[in-house]
Protein backbone atom coordinates (compact mmCIF):
# COMPACT_ATOMS: atom_id res chain seq x y z
CA UNK A 1 -30.72 -1.47 -20.99
CA UNK A 2 -27.43 -0.63 -19.37
CA UNK A 3 -26.88 -0.70 -15.68
CA UNK A 4 -24.20 1.57 -14.36
CA UNK A 5 -22.64 1.04 -11.00
CA UNK A 6 -20.93 3.68 -8.95
CA UNK A 7 -17.36 2.73 -8.07
CA UNK A 8 -16.93 1.48 -4.53
CA UNK A 9 -14.61 3.34 -2.23
CA UNK A 10 -13.06 2.57 1.13
CA UNK A 11 -14.71 4.32 4.07
CA UNK A 12 -11.39 5.86 5.04
CA UNK A 13 -7.70 5.67 4.27
CA UNK A 14 -7.17 3.99 7.62
CA UNK A 15 -9.59 1.17 6.70
CA UNK A 16 -7.74 0.61 3.42
CA UNK A 17 -4.38 0.65 5.18
CA UNK A 18 -5.52 -1.88 7.80
CA UNK A 19 -6.94 -4.19 5.10
CA UNK A 20 -3.71 -4.00 3.09
CA UNK A 21 -1.52 -4.62 6.13
CA UNK A 22 -3.73 -7.47 7.31
CA UNK A 23 -3.53 -9.22 3.97
CA UNK A 24 0.22 -8.68 3.77
CA UNK A 25 1.01 -9.95 7.27
CA UNK A 26 -1.23 -13.00 7.16
CA UNK A 27 -2.28 -15.40 9.86
CA UNK A 28 0.73 -17.68 9.40
CA UNK A 29 3.12 -14.93 10.47
CA UNK A 30 1.08 -14.20 13.58
CA UNK A 31 1.12 -17.86 14.63
CA UNK A 32 4.78 -18.56 13.85
CA UNK A 33 6.33 -15.30 14.96
CA UNK A 34 6.61 -15.94 18.73
CA UNK A 35 8.15 -19.34 18.10
CA UNK A 36 10.65 -17.97 15.57
CA UNK A 37 11.60 -15.07 17.84
CA UNK A 38 12.26 -17.40 20.77
CA UNK A 39 14.30 -19.85 18.72
CA UNK A 40 16.45 -17.28 16.93
CA UNK A 41 17.60 -14.80 19.54
CA UNK A 42 14.74 -12.48 20.50
CA UNK A 43 15.32 -8.77 19.84
CA UNK A 44 18.00 -9.09 17.16
CA UNK A 45 15.81 -11.52 15.26
CA UNK A 46 12.81 -9.18 15.50
CA UNK A 47 14.82 -6.29 14.03
CA UNK A 48 16.15 -8.35 11.12
CA UNK A 49 12.75 -9.97 10.55
CA UNK A 50 10.99 -6.58 10.42
CA UNK A 51 13.55 -5.05 8.06
CA UNK A 52 13.50 -8.05 5.74
CA UNK A 53 9.70 -8.16 5.71
CA UNK A 54 9.53 -4.45 4.86
CA UNK A 55 12.22 -4.74 2.19
CA UNK A 56 10.40 -7.58 0.45
CA UNK A 57 6.71 -7.00 1.17
CA UNK A 58 6.46 -3.23 0.80
CA UNK A 59 7.54 -3.01 -2.88
CA UNK A 60 5.26 -5.93 -3.77
CA UNK A 61 2.32 -4.38 -1.91
CA UNK A 62 2.84 -1.01 -3.62
CA UNK A 63 3.08 -2.61 -7.07
CA UNK A 64 -0.10 -4.64 -6.49
CA UNK A 65 -1.97 -1.51 -5.43
CA UNK A 66 -0.71 0.38 -8.49
CA UNK A 67 -1.68 -2.44 -10.87
CA UNK A 68 -5.11 -2.67 -9.25
CA UNK A 69 -5.70 1.06 -9.63
CA UNK A 70 -4.54 1.09 -13.24
CA UNK A 71 -6.42 -2.05 -14.28
CA UNK A 72 -9.69 -1.76 -12.31
CA UNK A 73 -10.57 -5.35 -13.29
CA UNK A 74 -9.75 -8.89 -12.28
CA UNK A 75 -5.99 -9.52 -12.09
CA UNK A 76 -5.89 -11.47 -15.36
CA UNK A 77 -8.01 -8.98 -17.35
CA UNK A 78 -6.16 -6.05 -15.81
CA UNK A 79 -2.84 -7.44 -17.03
CA UNK A 80 -4.31 -8.11 -20.48
CA UNK A 81 -5.57 -4.52 -20.62
CA UNK A 82 -2.24 -3.10 -19.52
CA UNK A 83 -0.42 -5.28 -22.07
CA UNK A 84 -2.69 -4.01 -24.86
CA UNK A 85 -2.40 -0.40 -23.70
CA UNK A 86 1.38 -0.35 -23.37
CA UNK A 87 2.14 -2.89 -26.12
CA UNK A 88 4.41 -5.04 -23.98
CA UNK A 89 5.25 -8.73 -23.93
CA UNK A 90 2.20 -11.01 -23.62
CA UNK A 91 3.89 -13.15 -20.97
CA UNK A 92 3.09 -10.44 -18.41
CA UNK A 93 -0.39 -11.94 -18.17
CA UNK A 94 1.27 -14.72 -16.15
CA UNK A 95 1.59 -12.18 -13.32
CA UNK A 96 -2.21 -11.97 -13.22
CA UNK A 97 -2.53 -15.74 -13.28
CA UNK A 98 0.13 -16.08 -10.58
CA UNK A 99 -1.70 -13.68 -8.30
CA UNK A 100 -4.98 -15.49 -8.82
CA UNK A 101 -3.51 -18.95 -8.27
CA UNK A 102 -1.50 -17.71 -5.27
CA UNK A 103 -4.62 -16.26 -3.66
CA UNK A 104 -6.46 -19.53 -4.27
CA UNK A 105 -3.68 -21.54 -2.61
CA UNK A 106 -3.47 -19.20 0.39
CA UNK A 107 -7.24 -19.20 0.88
CA UNK A 108 -7.33 -23.00 0.58
CA UNK A 109 -4.63 -23.27 3.23
CA UNK A 110 -6.40 -20.93 5.65
CA UNK A 111 -9.79 -22.56 5.11
CA UNK A 112 -8.34 -25.86 6.33
CA UNK A 113 -6.52 -24.32 9.33
CA UNK A 114 -9.24 -21.85 10.33
């Protein structure tokens, strides 16, 4: 007997966008930001901070979303599937492991603080 599940979808694009932004910004940035802005010059710091965050975080966020859509599995299995499909170097599976370990470390950190 096979059980088929319908794929889950976000209720709206706005809900997906807010979840993605919330995970990208993180609680640490919200706590540290006022202190960093005050110590480093206010408005000029905010401009440079925002531009740097966008320049680094946006490409990573887009690539994670693309890999998730292509793989439709856990990060490790998704990378294994993409490696098999595109016949690329097997070391790319380390990206899946890195994402999984990174998420574990971040969640461990926030579970202690929160």
